[in-house]
Amino acid sequence: MIVNNVYSLWYNYRTMVLIWDYDINELKKTEQGRILILERMINYGPDEGEKIPLAQVKKYWDRLNIYENRRRLLSLLIWGKYHSSRASKKSFWMK
């Protein structure tokens, strides 16, 4: 029973990622809509034959809600800024 619930949660998450219920032409008309489209392209990949516009990424960088690892990679690729991994609160050797 637990396995079925986990599978159904995974399946629902996967289909939610791929299917958005929106009219893309309406979203393109507003700035917030363009930001949502850009976030989707960065987090889940652009559609086939589509490219992520660098100028828009730079313009909306502070307002984009993207995964942390992707944000670090893009920061390195765009501006050449390297961010080290977060320091752990507890040292491995100290308990």
N, C-alpha and C. Protein backbone atom coordinates (compact mmCIF):
# COMPACT_ATOMS: atom_id res chain seq x y z
N MET A 1 0.82 -1.19 0.00
CA MET A 1 0.00 0.00 0.00
C MET A 1 0.86 1.25 0.00
N ILE A 2 1.92 1.27 0.82
CA ILE A 2 2.80 2.44 0.87
C ILE A 2 3.52 2.63 -0.47
N VAL A 3 3.92 1.53 -1.09
CA VAL A 3 4.60 1.61 -2.38
C VAL A 3 3.69 2.25 -3.42
N ASN A 4 2.42 1.87 -3.43
CA ASN A 4 1.48 2.46 -4.38
C ASN A 4 1.32 3.96 -4.15
N ASN A 5 1.27 4.37 -2.89
CA ASN A 5 1.14 5.79 -2.59
C ASN A 5 2.37 6.57 -3.04
N VAL A 6 3.54 6.01 -2.81
CA VAL A 6 4.77 6.68 -3.22
C VAL A 6 4.83 6.78 -4.74
N TYR A 7 4.46 5.70 -5.43
CA TYR A 7 4.46 5.72 -6.88
C TYR A 7 3.47 6.75 -7.41
N SER A 8 2.27 6.80 -6.82
CA SER A 8 1.28 7.76 -7.30
C SER A 8 1.73 9.20 -7.05
N LEU A 9 2.40 9.44 -5.92
CA LEU A 9 2.94 10.78 -5.67
C LEU A 9 4.00 11.14 -6.69
N TRP A 10 4.89 10.17 -6.99
CA TRP A 10 5.93 10.42 -7.98
C TRP A 10 5.31 10.68 -9.34
N TYR A 11 4.33 9.88 -9.73
CA TYR A 11 3.68 10.04 -11.03
C TYR A 11 3.00 11.39 -11.12
N ASN A 12 2.28 11.80 -10.07
CA ASN A 12 1.61 13.10 -10.08
C ASN A 12 2.62 14.23 -10.18
N TYR A 13 3.74 14.13 -9.45
CA TYR A 13 4.77 15.16 -9.52
C TYR A 13 5.33 15.24 -10.93
N ARG A 14 5.62 14.10 -11.53
CA ARG A 14 6.22 14.07 -12.86
C ARG A 14 5.28 14.67 -13.90
N THR A 15 4.00 14.35 -13.84
CA THR A 15 3.06 14.90 -14.81
C THR A 15 2.81 16.38 -14.56
N MET A 16 2.89 16.83 -13.30
CA MET A 16 2.71 18.24 -13.02
C MET A 16 3.86 19.06 -13.60
N VAL A 17 5.05 18.48 -13.61
CA VAL A 17 6.20 19.18 -14.15
C VAL A 17 6.05 19.35 -15.65
N LEU A 18 5.54 18.33 -16.32
CA LEU A 18 5.46 18.37 -17.77
C LEU A 18 4.23 19.11 -18.29
N ILE A 19 3.17 19.16 -17.50
CA ILE A 19 1.93 19.76 -17.98
C ILE A 19 1.62 21.00 -17.15
N TRP A 20 1.56 22.12 -17.83
CA TRP A 20 1.14 23.36 -17.19
C TRP A 20 -0.18 23.76 -17.82
N ASP A 21 -1.10 24.18 -17.03
CA ASP A 21 -2.38 24.61 -17.54
C ASP A 21 -2.36 26.13 -17.69
N TYR A 22 -1.87 26.58 -18.82
CA TYR A 22 -1.79 28.01 -19.06
C TYR A 22 -1.78 28.28 -20.56
N ASP A 23 -2.07 29.50 -20.90
CA ASP A 23 -1.98 29.96 -22.28
C ASP A 23 -0.69 30.76 -22.39
N ILE A 24 0.27 30.22 -23.11
CA ILE A 24 1.60 30.84 -23.16
C ILE A 24 1.54 32.24 -23.78
N ASN A 25 0.64 32.46 -24.71
CA ASN A 25 0.53 33.79 -25.32
C ASN A 25 0.05 34.83 -24.32
N GLU A 26 -0.82 34.43 -23.40
CA GLU A 26 -1.27 35.35 -22.35
C GLU A 26 -0.14 35.64 -21.37
N LEU A 27 0.67 34.62 -21.04
CA LEU A 27 1.78 34.82 -20.11
C LEU A 27 2.85 35.74 -20.68
N LYS A 28 3.07 35.68 -21.97
CA LYS A 28 4.10 36.51 -22.60
C LYS A 28 3.75 38.00 -22.53
N LYS A 29 2.49 38.33 -22.30
CA LYS A 29 2.07 39.73 -22.28
C LYS A 29 2.49 40.46 -21.01
N THR A 30 2.69 39.73 -19.92
CA THR A 30 3.03 40.37 -18.65
C THR A 30 4.46 40.03 -18.25
N GLU A 31 5.05 40.91 -17.48
CA GLU A 31 6.42 40.67 -17.03
C GLU A 31 6.49 39.45 -16.11
N GLN A 32 5.53 39.31 -15.20
CA GLN A 32 5.51 38.17 -14.29
C GLN A 32 5.35 36.87 -15.08
N GLY A 33 4.56 36.90 -16.13
CA GLY A 33 4.39 35.73 -16.98
C GLY A 33 5.67 35.34 -17.69
N ARG A 34 6.40 36.32 -18.18
CA ARG A 34 7.69 36.05 -18.84
C ARG A 34 8.68 35.46 -17.85
N ILE A 35 8.64 35.91 -16.61
CA ILE A 35 9.52 35.36 -15.58
C ILE A 35 9.15 33.90 -15.31
N LEU A 36 7.87 33.58 -15.24
CA LEU A 36 7.44 32.20 -15.01
C LEU A 36 7.88 31.28 -16.15
N ILE A 37 7.76 31.76 -17.38
CA ILE A 37 8.20 30.96 -18.53
C ILE A 37 9.70 30.73 -18.45
N LEU A 38 10.45 31.76 -18.10
CA LEU A 38 11.91 31.64 -17.99
C LEU A 38 12.31 30.67 -16.88
N GLU A 39 11.63 30.73 -15.74
CA GLU A 39 11.89 29.80 -14.63
C GLU A 39 11.65 28.36 -15.08
N ARG A 40 10.57 28.13 -15.79
CA ARG A 40 10.25 26.79 -16.26
C ARG A 40 11.33 26.29 -17.22
N MET A 41 11.79 27.16 -18.10
CA MET A 41 12.82 26.77 -19.05
C MET A 41 14.12 26.40 -18.34
N ILE A 42 14.47 27.15 -17.29
CA ILE A 42 15.72 26.88 -16.57
C ILE A 42 15.60 25.63 -15.71
N ASN A 43 14.51 25.51 -14.97
CA ASN A 43 14.36 24.39 -14.03
C ASN A 43 14.09 23.06 -14.72
N TYR A 44 13.33 23.06 -15.79
CA TYR A 44 12.91 21.81 -16.41
C TYR A 44 13.42 21.63 -17.83
N GLY A 45 14.18 22.59 -18.33
CA GLY A 45 14.73 22.48 -19.67
C GLY A 45 13.81 23.10 -20.70
N PRO A 46 14.40 23.71 -21.71
CA PRO A 46 13.57 24.31 -22.77
C PRO A 46 12.98 23.23 -23.67
N ASP A 47 11.95 23.59 -24.41
CA ASP A 47 11.37 22.67 -25.38
C ASP A 47 12.36 22.42 -26.50
N GLU A 48 12.10 21.41 -27.29
CA GLU A 48 13.02 21.06 -28.36
C GLU A 48 13.14 22.21 -29.35
N GLY A 49 14.38 22.57 -29.66
CA GLY A 49 14.64 23.66 -30.60
C GLY A 49 14.55 25.05 -29.98
N GLU A 50 14.29 25.12 -28.70
CA GLU A 50 14.15 26.40 -28.01
C GLU A 50 15.41 26.68 -27.21
N LYS A 51 15.79 27.95 -27.11
CA LYS A 51 16.97 28.32 -26.34
C LYS A 51 16.56 29.27 -25.21
N ILE A 52 17.33 29.22 -24.14
CA ILE A 52 17.09 30.11 -23.01
C ILE A 52 17.78 31.44 -23.31
N PRO A 53 17.04 32.55 -23.36
CA PRO A 53 17.64 33.83 -23.71
C PRO A 53 18.51 34.38 -22.56
N LEU A 54 19.79 34.57 -22.84
CA LEU A 54 20.74 35.03 -21.83
C LEU A 54 20.40 36.43 -21.33
N ALA A 55 19.96 37.29 -22.22
CA ALA A 55 19.63 38.67 -21.82
C ALA A 55 18.51 38.68 -20.78
N GLN A 56 17.51 37.82 -20.95
CA GLN A 56 16.41 37.77 -19.98
C GLN A 56 16.88 37.18 -18.65
N VAL A 57 17.75 36.19 -18.71
CA VAL A 57 18.27 35.60 -17.48
C VAL A 57 19.01 36.66 -16.68
N LYS A 58 19.83 37.44 -17.33
CA LYS A 58 20.57 38.51 -16.64
C LYS A 58 19.62 39.58 -16.11
N LYS A 59 18.61 39.91 -16.88
CA LYS A 59 17.67 40.97 -16.50
C LYS A 59 16.85 40.58 -15.26
N TYR A 60 16.39 39.34 -15.21
CA TYR A 60 15.50 38.91 -14.13
C TYR A 60 16.22 38.05 -13.10
N TRP A 61 17.55 38.05 -13.06
CA TRP A 61 18.32 37.15 -12.19
C TRP A 61 17.87 37.19 -10.74
N ASP A 62 17.68 38.36 -10.18
CA ASP A 62 17.31 38.49 -8.77
C ASP A 62 15.88 38.05 -8.49
N ARG A 63 15.06 37.97 -9.51
CA ARG A 63 13.66 37.61 -9.32
C ARG A 63 13.34 36.17 -9.69
N LEU A 64 14.32 35.44 -10.22
CA LEU A 64 14.08 34.07 -10.65
C LEU A 64 14.08 33.11 -9.47
N ASN A 65 13.12 32.21 -9.46
CA ASN A 65 13.02 31.18 -8.43
C ASN A 65 13.48 29.87 -9.07
N ILE A 66 14.79 29.60 -8.99
CA ILE A 66 15.35 28.41 -9.61
C ILE A 66 16.08 27.59 -8.56
N TYR A 67 16.32 26.32 -8.90
CA TYR A 67 16.99 25.43 -7.97
C TYR A 67 18.39 25.95 -7.65
N GLU A 68 18.83 25.74 -6.41
CA GLU A 68 20.09 26.29 -5.92
C GLU A 68 21.29 25.83 -6.74
N ASN A 69 21.36 24.55 -7.07
CA ASN A 69 22.50 24.06 -7.84
C ASN A 69 22.54 24.66 -9.24
N ARG A 70 21.39 24.85 -9.84
CA ARG A 70 21.35 25.48 -11.16
C ARG A 70 21.74 26.94 -11.07
N ARG A 71 21.31 27.60 -9.99
CA ARG A 71 21.68 29.00 -9.79
C ARG A 71 23.20 29.14 -9.68
N ARG A 72 23.84 28.23 -8.95
CA ARG A 72 25.29 28.28 -8.82
C ARG A 72 25.98 28.03 -10.15
N LEU A 73 25.50 27.05 -10.91
CA LEU A 73 26.09 26.76 -12.21
C LEU A 73 25.93 27.93 -13.16
N LEU A 74 24.73 28.49 -13.21
CA LEU A 74 24.52 29.64 -14.10
C LEU A 74 25.35 30.84 -13.68
N SER A 75 25.50 31.05 -12.39
CA SER A 75 26.33 32.13 -11.90
C SER A 75 27.77 31.96 -12.36
N LEU A 76 28.24 30.72 -12.33
CA LEU A 76 29.60 30.44 -12.81
C LEU A 76 29.71 30.66 -14.31
N LEU A 77 28.73 30.19 -15.07
CA LEU A 77 28.79 30.30 -16.52
C LEU A 77 28.60 31.73 -17.02
N ILE A 78 27.72 32.48 -16.38
CA ILE A 78 27.41 33.82 -16.86
C ILE A 78 28.43 34.85 -16.37
N TRP A 79 28.69 34.86 -15.07
CA TRP A 79 29.55 35.90 -14.51
C TRP A 79 30.91 35.39 -14.06
N GLY A 80 31.13 34.09 -14.09
CA GLY A 80 32.41 33.54 -13.67
C GLY A 80 32.60 33.56 -12.16
N LYS A 81 31.50 33.67 -11.42
CA LYS A 81 31.58 33.69 -9.96
C LYS A 81 31.47 32.26 -9.44
N TYR A 82 32.44 31.87 -8.64
CA TYR A 82 32.44 30.53 -8.06
C TYR A 82 32.00 30.62 -6.62
N HIS A 83 30.99 29.85 -6.25
CA HIS A 83 30.50 29.80 -4.88
C HIS A 83 30.85 28.44 -4.31
N SER A 84 31.59 28.44 -3.23
CA SER A 84 31.92 27.16 -2.61
C SER A 84 30.68 26.59 -1.94
N SER A 85 30.71 25.31 -1.66
CA SER A 85 29.57 24.68 -1.01
C SER A 85 29.42 25.23 0.40
N ARG A 86 28.22 25.11 0.93
CA ARG A 86 27.94 25.64 2.26
C ARG A 86 28.78 24.91 3.31
N ALA A 87 29.21 25.66 4.30
CA ALA A 87 29.97 25.05 5.39
C ALA A 87 29.01 24.26 6.27
N SER A 88 29.41 23.07 6.64
CA SER A 88 28.54 22.28 7.50
C SER A 88 28.59 22.84 8.92
N LYS A 89 27.53 22.64 9.65
CA LYS A 89 27.44 23.17 11.00
C LYS A 89 28.28 22.35 11.97
N LYS A 90 28.51 21.12 11.63
CA LYS A 90 29.23 20.24 12.51
C LYS A 90 30.39 19.61 11.73
N SER A 91 31.54 19.64 12.32
CA SER A 91 32.68 19.00 11.67
C SER A 91 32.53 17.49 11.71
N PHE A 92 33.06 16.83 10.71
CA PHE A 92 32.97 15.38 10.66
C PHE A 92 33.69 14.74 11.84
N TRP A 93 34.83 15.31 12.23
CA TRP A 93 35.66 14.72 13.27
C TRP A 93 35.21 15.09 14.68
N MET A 94 34.42 16.14 14.80
CA MET A 94 34.00 16.57 16.14
C MET A 94 32.56 16.13 16.36
N LYS A 95 32.29 15.64 17.53
CA LYS A 95 30.92 15.21 17.83
C LYS A 95 30.32 15.97 18.96
